[in-house]
Amino acid sequence: MPAYVIADVTVTDPATMEEYRKQVPATIAKYGGRYLVRGGAHEALEGEWKPNRLVILEFPTLAQARRWYDCEEYKGPRALRMKAGRTNMVIVEGMA
């Protein structure tokens, strides 16, 4: 069953975030993940959520998504992302 990582990112240090953006795709691919959304235009339809920059990743399973997030290869890029801004992130199981 697929799983999705959904992140709302507020960038405060664009140069550091750009370095993160260069490093992270290989780590995602290694764990079978792929980008579905990476920024781009969006529109809030209901509620008070005002996302800044949305990113949605798809992984083959919830376990693979978690392996990616916890993997050694992502530790460095994750630290860059945390330095470069604020992120709200969830992992959610999809439907078969």
PDB file of N, CA and C in Angstrom:
ATOM      1  N   MET A   1       0.840  -1.163   0.000  1.00  0.00           N
ATOM      2  CA  MET A   1       0.000   0.000   0.000  1.00  0.00           C
ATOM      3  C   MET A   1       0.894   1.239   0.000  1.00  0.00           C
ATOM      4  N   PRO A   2       0.655   2.210  -0.889  1.00  0.00           N
ATOM      5  CA  PRO A   2       1.527   3.385  -0.941  1.00  0.00           C
ATOM      6  C   PRO A   2       1.402   4.244   0.313  1.00  0.00           C
ATOM      7  N   ALA A   3       2.403   5.073   0.514  1.00  0.00           N
ATOM      8  CA  ALA A   3       2.401   6.026   1.620  1.00  0.00           C
ATOM      9  C   ALA A   3       2.903   7.361   1.089  1.00  0.00           C
ATOM     10  N   TYR A   4       2.488   8.413   1.767  1.00  0.00           N
ATOM     11  CA  TYR A   4       2.794   9.764   1.310  1.00  0.00           C
ATOM     12  C   TYR A   4       3.410  10.578   2.436  1.00  0.00           C
ATOM     13  N   VAL A   5       4.448  11.308   2.102  1.00  0.00           N
ATOM     14  CA  VAL A   5       5.030  12.287   2.996  1.00  0.00           C
ATOM     15  C   VAL A   5       4.530  13.632   2.493  1.00  0.00           C
ATOM     16  N   ILE A   6       3.861  14.374   3.365  1.00  0.00           N
ATOM     17  CA  ILE A   6       3.310  15.667   3.002  1.00  0.00           C
ATOM     18  C   ILE A   6       3.971  16.717   3.890  1.00  0.00           C
ATOM     19  N   ALA A   7       4.574  17.710   3.251  1.00  0.00           N
ATOM     20  CA  ALA A   7       5.302  18.738   3.994  1.00  0.00           C
ATOM     21  C   ALA A   7       4.865  20.122   3.551  1.00  0.00           C
ATOM     22  N   ASP A   8       4.753  20.998   4.526  1.00  0.00           N
ATOM     23  CA  ASP A   8       4.506  22.419   4.307  1.00  0.00           C
ATOM     24  C   ASP A   8       5.763  23.132   4.797  1.00  0.00           C
ATOM     25  N   VAL A   9       6.493  23.741   3.874  1.00  0.00           N
ATOM     26  CA  VAL A   9       7.809  24.295   4.174  1.00  0.00           C
ATOM     27  C   VAL A   9       7.788  25.822   4.073  1.00  0.00           C
ATOM     28  N   THR A  10       8.323  26.462   5.090  1.00  0.00           N
ATOM     29  CA  THR A  10       8.539  27.910   5.067  1.00  0.00           C
ATOM     30  C   THR A  10      10.045  28.131   5.011  1.00  0.00           C
ATOM     31  N   VAL A  11      10.529  28.676   3.923  1.00  0.00           N
ATOM     32  CA  VAL A  11      11.959  28.875   3.719  1.00  0.00           C
ATOM     33  C   VAL A  11      12.382  30.209   4.330  1.00  0.00           C
ATOM     34  N   THR A  12      13.408  30.151   5.190  1.00  0.00           N
ATOM     35  CA  THR A  12      13.960  31.372   5.780  1.00  0.00           C
ATOM     36  C   THR A  12      15.397  31.632   5.315  1.00  0.00           C
ATOM     37  N   ASP A  13      16.034  30.616   4.741  1.00  0.00           N
ATOM     38  CA  ASP A  13      17.407  30.735   4.239  1.00  0.00           C
ATOM     39  C   ASP A  13      17.453  30.064   2.869  1.00  0.00           C
ATOM     40  N   PRO A  14      17.165  30.830   1.799  1.00  0.00           N
ATOM     41  CA  PRO A  14      17.077  30.238   0.456  1.00  0.00           C
ATOM     42  C   PRO A  14      18.351  29.539  -0.012  1.00  0.00           C
ATOM     43  N   ALA A  15      19.519  30.062   0.301  1.00  0.00           N
ATOM     44  CA  ALA A  15      20.767  29.437  -0.148  1.00  0.00           C
ATOM     45  C   ALA A  15      20.944  28.049   0.463  1.00  0.00           C
ATOM     46  N   THR A  16      20.673  27.924   1.751  1.00  0.00           N
ATOM     47  CA  THR A  16      20.787  26.623   2.413  1.00  0.00           C
ATOM     48  C   THR A  16      19.713  25.670   1.899  1.00  0.00           C
ATOM     49  N   MET A  17      18.514  26.182   1.659  1.00  0.00           N
ATOM     50  CA  MET A  17      17.444  25.320   1.124  1.00  0.00           C
ATOM     51  C   MET A  17      17.796  24.829  -0.274  1.00  0.00           C
ATOM     52  N   GLU A  18      18.459  25.635  -1.051  1.00  0.00           N
ATOM     53  CA  GLU A  18      18.865  25.206  -2.385  1.00  0.00           C
ATOM     54  C   GLU A  18      19.862  24.056  -2.292  1.00  0.00           C
ATOM     55  N   GLU A  19      20.768  24.108  -1.335  1.00  0.00           N
ATOM     56  CA  GLU A  19      21.705  23.000  -1.131  1.00  0.00           C
ATOM     57  C   GLU A  19      20.953  21.733  -0.738  1.00  0.00           C
ATOM     58  N   TYR A  20      19.962  21.875   0.141  1.00  0.00           N
ATOM     59  CA  TYR A  20      19.104  20.740   0.514  1.00  0.00           C
ATOM     60  C   TYR A  20      18.435  20.160  -0.731  1.00  0.00           C
ATOM     61  N   ARG A  21      17.866  21.019  -1.539  1.00  0.00           N
ATOM     62  CA  ARG A  21      17.147  20.565  -2.742  1.00  0.00           C
ATOM     63  C   ARG A  21      18.045  19.781  -3.696  1.00  0.00           C
ATOM     64  N   LYS A  22      19.321  20.087  -3.714  1.00  0.00           N
ATOM     65  CA  LYS A  22      20.265  19.361  -4.567  1.00  0.00           C
ATOM     66  C   LYS A  22      20.578  17.979  -4.001  1.00  0.00           C
ATOM     67  N   GLN A  23      20.607  17.858  -2.683  1.00  0.00           N
ATOM     68  CA  GLN A  23      21.043  16.616  -2.045  1.00  0.00           C
ATOM     69  C   GLN A  23      19.940  15.585  -1.850  1.00  0.00           C
ATOM     70  N   VAL A  24      18.715  16.010  -1.659  1.00  0.00           N
ATOM     71  CA  VAL A  24      17.672  15.095  -1.195  1.00  0.00           C
ATOM     72  C   VAL A  24      17.097  14.149  -2.264  1.00  0.00           C
ATOM     73  N   PRO A  25      17.000  14.509  -3.551  1.00  0.00           N
ATOM     74  CA  PRO A  25      16.354  13.596  -4.499  1.00  0.00           C
ATOM     75  C   PRO A  25      16.967  12.192  -4.550  1.00  0.00           C
ATOM     76  N   ALA A  26      18.267  12.088  -4.481  1.00  0.00           N
ATOM     77  CA  ALA A  26      18.907  10.764  -4.531  1.00  0.00           C
ATOM     78  C   ALA A  26      18.512   9.914  -3.328  1.00  0.00           C
ATOM     79  N   THR A  27      18.341  10.548  -2.164  1.00  0.00           N
ATOM     80  CA  THR A  27      17.948   9.776  -0.977  1.00  0.00           C
ATOM     81  C   THR A  27      16.520   9.272  -1.115  1.00  0.00           C
ATOM     82  N   ILE A  28      15.660  10.078  -1.689  1.00  0.00           N
ATOM     83  CA  ILE A  28      14.260   9.677  -1.897  1.00  0.00           C
ATOM     84  C   ILE A  28      14.196   8.505  -2.871  1.00  0.00           C
ATOM     85  N   ALA A  29      14.896   8.625  -3.992  1.00  0.00           N
ATOM     86  CA  ALA A  29      14.887   7.566  -5.008  1.00  0.00           C
ATOM     87  C   ALA A  29      15.430   6.250  -4.460  1.00  0.00           C
ATOM     88  N   LYS A  30      16.449   6.318  -3.616  1.00  0.00           N
ATOM     89  CA  LYS A  30      17.047   5.101  -3.064  1.00  0.00           C
ATOM     90  C   LYS A  30      16.030   4.267  -2.289  1.00  0.00           C
ATOM     91  N   TYR A  31      15.033   4.906  -1.709  1.00  0.00           N
ATOM     92  CA  TYR A  31      14.025   4.197  -0.925  1.00  0.00           C
ATOM     93  C   TYR A  31      12.708   4.031  -1.685  1.00  0.00           C
ATOM     94  N   GLY A  32      12.790   4.166  -3.004  1.00  0.00           N
ATOM     95  CA  GLY A  32      11.622   3.908  -3.846  1.00  0.00           C
ATOM     96  C   GLY A  32      10.629   5.053  -3.909  1.00  0.00           C
ATOM     97  N   GLY A  33      11.036   6.227  -3.432  1.00  0.00           N
ATOM     98  CA  GLY A  33      10.135   7.366  -3.418  1.00  0.00           C
ATOM     99  C   GLY A  33      10.232   8.208  -4.667  1.00  0.00           C
ATOM    100  N   ARG A  34       9.219   9.058  -4.838  1.00  0.00           N
ATOM    101  CA  ARG A  34       9.222  10.001  -5.950  1.00  0.00           C
ATOM    102  C   ARG A  34       8.400  11.225  -5.562  1.00  0.00           C
ATOM    103  N   TYR A  35       8.738  12.342  -6.193  1.00  0.00           N
ATOM    104  CA  TYR A  35       7.991  13.570  -5.963  1.00  0.00           C
ATOM    105  C   TYR A  35       6.666  13.519  -6.723  1.00  0.00           C
ATOM    106  N   LEU A  36       5.597  13.886  -6.064  1.00  0.00           N
ATOM    107  CA  LEU A  36       4.316  14.128  -6.722  1.00  0.00           C
ATOM    108  C   LEU A  36       4.073  15.627  -6.831  1.00  0.00           C
ATOM    109  N   VAL A  37       4.494  16.357  -5.803  1.00  0.00           N
ATOM    110  CA  VAL A  37       4.377  17.817  -5.765  1.00  0.00           C
ATOM    111  C   VAL A  37       5.667  18.352  -5.171  1.00  0.00           C
ATOM    112  N   ARG A  38       6.213  19.377  -5.791  1.00  0.00           N
ATOM    113  CA  ARG A  38       7.426  20.013  -5.266  1.00  0.00           C
ATOM    114  C   ARG A  38       7.293  21.516  -5.473  1.00  0.00           C
ATOM    115  N   GLY A  39       6.564  22.144  -4.566  1.00  0.00           N
ATOM    116  CA  GLY A  39       6.278  23.570  -4.712  1.00  0.00           C
ATOM    117  C   GLY A  39       5.130  23.743  -5.691  1.00  0.00           C
ATOM    118  N   GLY A  40       5.126  24.808  -6.391  1.00  0.00           N
ATOM    119  CA  GLY A  40       4.092  25.049  -7.390  1.00  0.00           C
ATOM    120  C   GLY A  40       2.898  25.797  -6.821  1.00  0.00           C
ATOM    121  N   ALA A  41       2.071  26.245  -7.718  1.00  0.00           N
ATOM    122  CA  ALA A  41       0.896  27.021  -7.337  1.00  0.00           C
ATOM    123  C   ALA A  41      -0.090  26.158  -6.564  1.00  0.00           C
ATOM    124  N   HIS A  42      -0.729  26.751  -5.579  1.00  0.00           N
ATOM    125  CA  HIS A  42      -1.764  26.060  -4.823  1.00  0.00           C
ATOM    126  C   HIS A  42      -2.781  27.078  -4.328  1.00  0.00           C
ATOM    127  N   GLU A  43      -3.940  26.590  -3.961  1.00  0.00           N
ATOM    128  CA  GLU A  43      -5.030  27.446  -3.519  1.00  0.00           C
ATOM    129  C   GLU A  43      -5.762  26.772  -2.369  1.00  0.00           C
ATOM    130  N   ALA A  44      -5.896  27.465  -1.270  1.00  0.00           N
ATOM    131  CA  ALA A  44      -6.655  26.931  -0.135  1.00  0.00           C
ATOM    132  C   ALA A  44      -8.144  27.039  -0.455  1.00  0.00           C
ATOM    133  N   LEU A  45      -8.860  25.944  -0.268  1.00  0.00           N
ATOM    134  CA  LEU A  45     -10.296  25.937  -0.567  1.00  0.00           C
ATOM    135  C   LEU A  45     -11.166  26.052   0.679  1.00  0.00           C
ATOM    136  N   GLU A  46     -10.704  25.504   1.796  1.00  0.00           N
ATOM    137  CA  GLU A  46     -11.484  25.541   3.037  1.00  0.00           C
ATOM    138  C   GLU A  46     -10.550  25.660   4.224  1.00  0.00           C
ATOM    139  N   GLY A  47     -11.082  26.144   5.321  1.00  0.00           N
ATOM    140  CA  GLY A  47     -10.330  26.198   6.563  1.00  0.00           C
ATOM    141  C   GLY A  47      -9.338  27.342   6.614  1.00  0.00           C
ATOM    142  N   GLU A  48      -8.491  27.269   7.627  1.00  0.00           N
ATOM    143  CA  GLU A  48      -7.551  28.350   7.875  1.00  0.00           C
ATOM    144  C   GLU A  48      -6.103  27.997   7.560  1.00  0.00           C
ATOM    145  N   TRP A  49      -5.876  26.815   6.988  1.00  0.00           N
ATOM    146  CA  TRP A  49      -4.519  26.413   6.641  1.00  0.00           C
ATOM    147  C   TRP A  49      -4.013  27.288   5.501  1.00  0.00           C
ATOM    148  N   LYS A  50      -2.847  27.881   5.692  1.00  0.00           N
ATOM    149  CA  LYS A  50      -2.224  28.720   4.675  1.00  0.00           C
ATOM    150  C   LYS A  50      -0.817  28.178   4.390  1.00  0.00           C
ATOM    151  N   PRO A  51      -0.737  27.097   3.653  1.00  0.00           N
ATOM    152  CA  PRO A  51       0.575  26.508   3.393  1.00  0.00           C
ATOM    153  C   PRO A  51       1.462  27.450   2.576  1.00  0.00           C
ATOM    154  N   ASN A  52       2.741  27.323   2.787  1.00  0.00           N
ATOM    155  CA  ASN A  52       3.710  28.143   2.055  1.00  0.00           C
ATOM    156  C   ASN A  52       4.202  27.420   0.805  1.00  0.00           C
ATOM    157  N   ARG A  53       4.953  26.362   1.018  1.00  0.00           N
ATOM    158  CA  ARG A  53       5.488  25.560  -0.089  1.00  0.00           C
ATOM    159  C   ARG A  53       5.148  24.112   0.222  1.00  0.00           C
ATOM    160  N   LEU A  54       4.336  23.504  -0.627  1.00  0.00           N
ATOM    161  CA  LEU A  54       3.908  22.122  -0.395  1.00  0.00           C
ATOM    162  C   LEU A  54       4.791  21.148  -1.154  1.00  0.00           C
ATOM    163  N   VAL A  55       5.122  20.063  -0.475  1.00  0.00           N
ATOM    164  CA  VAL A  55       5.871  18.963  -1.085  1.00  0.00           C
ATOM    165  C   VAL A  55       5.138  17.683  -0.729  1.00  0.00           C
ATOM    166  N   ILE A  56       4.891  16.848  -1.735  1.00  0.00           N
ATOM    167  CA  ILE A  56       4.271  15.543  -1.498  1.00  0.00           C
ATOM    168  C   ILE A  56       5.142  14.488  -2.163  1.00  0.00           C
ATOM    169  N   LEU A  57       5.559  13.509  -1.354  1.00  0.00           N
ATOM    170  CA  LEU A  57       6.355  12.382  -1.831  1.00  0.00           C
ATOM    171  C   LEU A  57       5.517  11.122  -1.748  1.00  0.00           C
ATOM    172  N   GLU A  58       5.715  10.232  -2.695  1.00  0.00           N
ATOM    173  CA  GLU A  58       5.049   8.927  -2.656  1.00  0.00           C
ATOM    174  C   GLU A  58       6.108   7.845  -2.495  1.00  0.00           C
ATOM    175  N   PHE A  59       5.848   6.915  -1.585  1.00  0.00           N
ATOM    176  CA  PHE A  59       6.711   5.754  -1.368  1.00  0.00           C
ATOM    177  C   PHE A  59       5.869   4.493  -1.528  1.00  0.00           C
ATOM    178  N   PRO A  60       6.498   3.354  -1.819  1.00  0.00           N
ATOM    179  CA  PRO A  60       5.746   2.117  -2.016  1.00  0.00           C
ATOM    180  C   PRO A  60       4.967   1.673  -0.770  1.00  0.00           C
ATOM    181  N   THR A  61       5.526   1.951   0.409  1.00  0.00           N
ATOM    182  CA  THR A  61       4.888   1.533   1.662  1.00  0.00           C
ATOM    183  C   THR A  61       5.191   2.562   2.758  1.00  0.00           C
ATOM    184  N   LEU A  62       4.417   2.477   3.822  1.00  0.00           N
ATOM    185  CA  LEU A  62       4.666   3.317   4.992  1.00  0.00           C
ATOM    186  C   LEU A  62       6.047   3.016   5.577  1.00  0.00           C
ATOM    187  N   ALA A  63       6.410   1.738   5.594  1.00  0.00           N
ATOM    188  CA  ALA A  63       7.720   1.345   6.121  1.00  0.00           C
ATOM    189  C   ALA A  63       8.853   1.955   5.301  1.00  0.00           C
ATOM    190  N   GLN A  64       8.723   1.988   3.983  1.00  0.00           N
ATOM    191  CA  GLN A  64       9.761   2.577   3.135  1.00  0.00           C
ATOM    192  C   GLN A  64       9.861   4.079   3.364  1.00  0.00           C
ATOM    193  N   ALA A  65       8.733   4.748   3.536  1.00  0.00           N
ATOM    194  CA  ALA A  65       8.747   6.185   3.813  1.00  0.00           C
ATOM    195  C   ALA A  65       9.490   6.452   5.114  1.00  0.00           C
ATOM    196  N   ARG A  66       9.208   5.650   6.098  1.00  0.00           N
ATOM    197  CA  ARG A  66       9.857   5.811   7.400  1.00  0.00           C
ATOM    198  C   ARG A  66      11.345   5.485   7.308  1.00  0.00           C
ATOM    199  N   ARG A  67      11.707   4.446   6.537  1.00  0.00           N
ATOM    200  CA  ARG A  67      13.127   4.103   6.352  1.00  0.00           C
ATOM    201  C   ARG A  67      13.878   5.283   5.732  1.00  0.00           C
ATOM    202  N   TRP A  68      13.251   5.896   4.719  1.00  0.00           N
ATOM    203  CA  TRP A  68      13.881   7.066   4.097  1.00  0.00           C
ATOM    204  C   TRP A  68      14.096   8.165   5.131  1.00  0.00           C
ATOM    205  N   TYR A  69      13.054   8.518   5.867  1.00  0.00           N
ATOM    206  CA  TYR A  69      13.156   9.628   6.817  1.00  0.00           C
ATOM    207  C   TYR A  69      14.234   9.365   7.871  1.00  0.00           C
ATOM    208  N   ASP A  70      14.370   8.125   8.298  1.00  0.00           N
ATOM    209  CA  ASP A  70      15.319   7.765   9.350  1.00  0.00           C
ATOM    210  C   ASP A  70      16.704   7.357   8.839  1.00  0.00           C
ATOM    211  N   CYS A  71      16.888   7.268   7.525  1.00  0.00           N
ATOM    212  CA  CYS A  71      18.136   6.723   6.979  1.00  0.00           C
ATOM    213  C   CYS A  71      19.327   7.644   7.199  1.00  0.00           C
ATOM    214  N   GLU A  72      20.487   7.035   7.198  1.00  0.00           N
ATOM    215  CA  GLU A  72      21.750   7.755   7.382  1.00  0.00           C
ATOM    216  C   GLU A  72      21.961   8.790   6.269  1.00  0.00           C
ATOM    217  N   GLU A  73      21.579   8.444   5.032  1.00  0.00           N
ATOM    218  CA  GLU A  73      21.798   9.328   3.884  1.00  0.00           C
ATOM    219  C   GLU A  73      20.989  10.623   3.977  1.00  0.00           C
ATOM    220  N   TYR A  74      19.876  10.583   4.707  1.00  0.00           N
ATOM    221  CA  TYR A  74      19.024  11.765   4.802  1.00  0.00           C
ATOM    222  C   TYR A  74      19.363  12.650   6.005  1.00  0.00           C
ATOM    223  N   LYS A  75      20.181  12.179   6.911  1.00  0.00           N
ATOM    224  CA  LYS A  75      20.492  12.967   8.120  1.00  0.00           C
ATOM    225  C   LYS A  75      21.106  14.321   7.780  1.00  0.00           C
ATOM    226  N   GLY A  76      22.076  14.337   6.887  1.00  0.00           N
ATOM    227  CA  GLY A  76      22.709  15.606   6.501  1.00  0.00           C
ATOM    228  C   GLY A  76      21.740  16.555   5.812  1.00  0.00           C
ATOM    229  N   PRO A  77      21.060  16.086   4.762  1.00  0.00           N
ATOM    230  CA  PRO A  77      20.073  16.964   4.123  1.00  0.00           C
ATOM    231  C   PRO A  77      18.971  17.427   5.084  1.00  0.00           C
ATOM    232  N   ARG A  78      18.512  16.543   5.949  1.00  0.00           N
ATOM    233  CA  ARG A  78      17.459  16.929   6.903  1.00  0.00           C
ATOM    234  C   ARG A  78      17.940  18.070   7.802  1.00  0.00           C
ATOM    235  N   ALA A  79      19.190  18.001   8.252  1.00  0.00           N
ATOM    236  CA  ALA A  79      19.753  19.077   9.074  1.00  0.00           C
ATOM    237  C   ALA A  79      19.797  20.387   8.295  1.00  0.00           C
ATOM    238  N   LEU A  80      20.131  20.318   7.007  1.00  0.00           N
ATOM    239  CA  LEU A  80      20.112  21.521   6.169  1.00  0.00           C
ATOM    240  C   LEU A  80      18.706  22.107   6.084  1.00  0.00           C
ATOM    241  N   ARG A  81      17.716  21.244   5.863  1.00  0.00           N
ATOM    242  CA  ARG A  81      16.331  21.716   5.760  1.00  0.00           C
ATOM    243  C   ARG A  81      15.900  22.389   7.047  1.00  0.00           C
ATOM    244  N   MET A  82      16.232  21.794   8.159  1.00  0.00           N
ATOM    245  CA  MET A  82      15.847  22.367   9.449  1.00  0.00           C
ATOM    246  C   MET A  82      16.532  23.712   9.696  1.00  0.00           C
ATOM    247  N   LYS A  83      17.748  23.866   9.191  1.00  0.00           N
ATOM    248  CA  LYS A  83      18.464  25.131   9.315  1.00  0.00           C
ATOM    249  C   LYS A  83      17.884  26.191   8.378  1.00  0.00           C
ATOM    250  N   ALA A  84      17.352  25.748   7.246  1.00  0.00           N
ATOM    251  CA  ALA A  84      16.905  26.661   6.191  1.00  0.00           C
ATOM    252  C   ALA A  84      15.473  27.138   6.338  1.00  0.00           C
ATOM    253  N   GLY A  85      14.738  26.606   7.315  1.00  0.00           N
ATOM    254  CA  GLY A  85      13.350  27.042   7.455  1.00  0.00           C
ATOM    255  C   GLY A  85      12.595  26.221   8.474  1.00  0.00           C
ATOM    256  N   ARG A  86      11.280  26.332   8.403  1.00  0.00           N
ATOM    257  CA  ARG A  86      10.379  25.592   9.296  1.00  0.00           C
ATOM    258  C   ARG A  86       9.536  24.654   8.446  1.00  0.00           C
ATOM    259  N   THR A  87       9.284  23.462   8.971  1.00  0.00           N
ATOM    260  CA  THR A  87       8.521  22.464   8.228  1.00  0.00           C
ATOM    261  C   THR A  87       7.497  21.805   9.128  1.00  0.00           C
ATOM    262  N   ASN A  88       6.296  21.641   8.602  1.00  0.00           N
ATOM    263  CA  ASN A  88       5.292  20.753   9.179  1.00  0.00           C
ATOM    264  C   ASN A  88       5.233  19.561   8.238  1.00  0.00           C
ATOM    265  N   MET A  89       5.324  18.349   8.783  1.00  0.00           N
ATOM    266  CA  MET A  89       5.414  17.163   7.937  1.00  0.00           C
ATOM    267  C   MET A  89       4.651  16.009   8.557  1.00  0.00           C
ATOM    268  N   VAL A  90       3.961  15.252   7.717  1.00  0.00           N
ATOM    269  CA  VAL A  90       3.283  14.036   8.145  1.00  0.00           C
ATOM    270  C   VAL A  90       3.595  12.926   7.147  1.00  0.00           C
ATOM    271  N   ILE A  91       3.484  11.691   7.636  1.00  0.00           N
ATOM    272  CA  ILE A  91       3.504  10.501   6.791  1.00  0.00           C
ATOM    273  C   ILE A  91       2.133   9.878   6.916  1.00  0.00           C
ATOM    274  N   VAL A  92       1.522   9.565   5.792  1.00  0.00           N
ATOM    275  CA  VAL A  92       0.179   9.010   5.820  1.00  0.00           C
ATOM    276  C   VAL A  92       0.106   7.796   4.876  1.00  0.00           C
ATOM    277  N   GLU A  93      -0.574   6.767   5.333  1.00  0.00           N
ATOM    278  CA  GLU A  93      -0.769   5.574   4.504  1.00  0.00           C
ATOM    279  C   GLU A  93      -1.859   5.841   3.486  1.00  0.00           C
ATOM    280  N   GLY A  94      -1.620   5.453   2.265  1.00  0.00           N
ATOM    281  CA  GLY A  94      -2.588   5.626   1.190  1.00  0.00           C
ATOM    282  C   GLY A  94      -3.531   4.444   1.098  1.00  0.00           C
ATOM    283  N   MET A  95      -4.214   4.360  -0.018  1.00  0.00           N
ATOM    284  CA  MET A  95      -5.178   3.280  -0.266  1.00  0.00           C
ATOM    285  C   MET A  95      -4.645   2.367  -1.359  1.00  0.00           C
ATOM    286  N   ALA A  96      -4.952   1.106  -1.239  1.00  0.00           N
ATOM    287  CA  ALA A  96      -4.513   0.133  -2.241  1.00  0.00           C
ATOM    288  C   ALA A  96      -5.358   0.237  -3.489  1.00  0.00           C
TER     289      ALA A  96
END
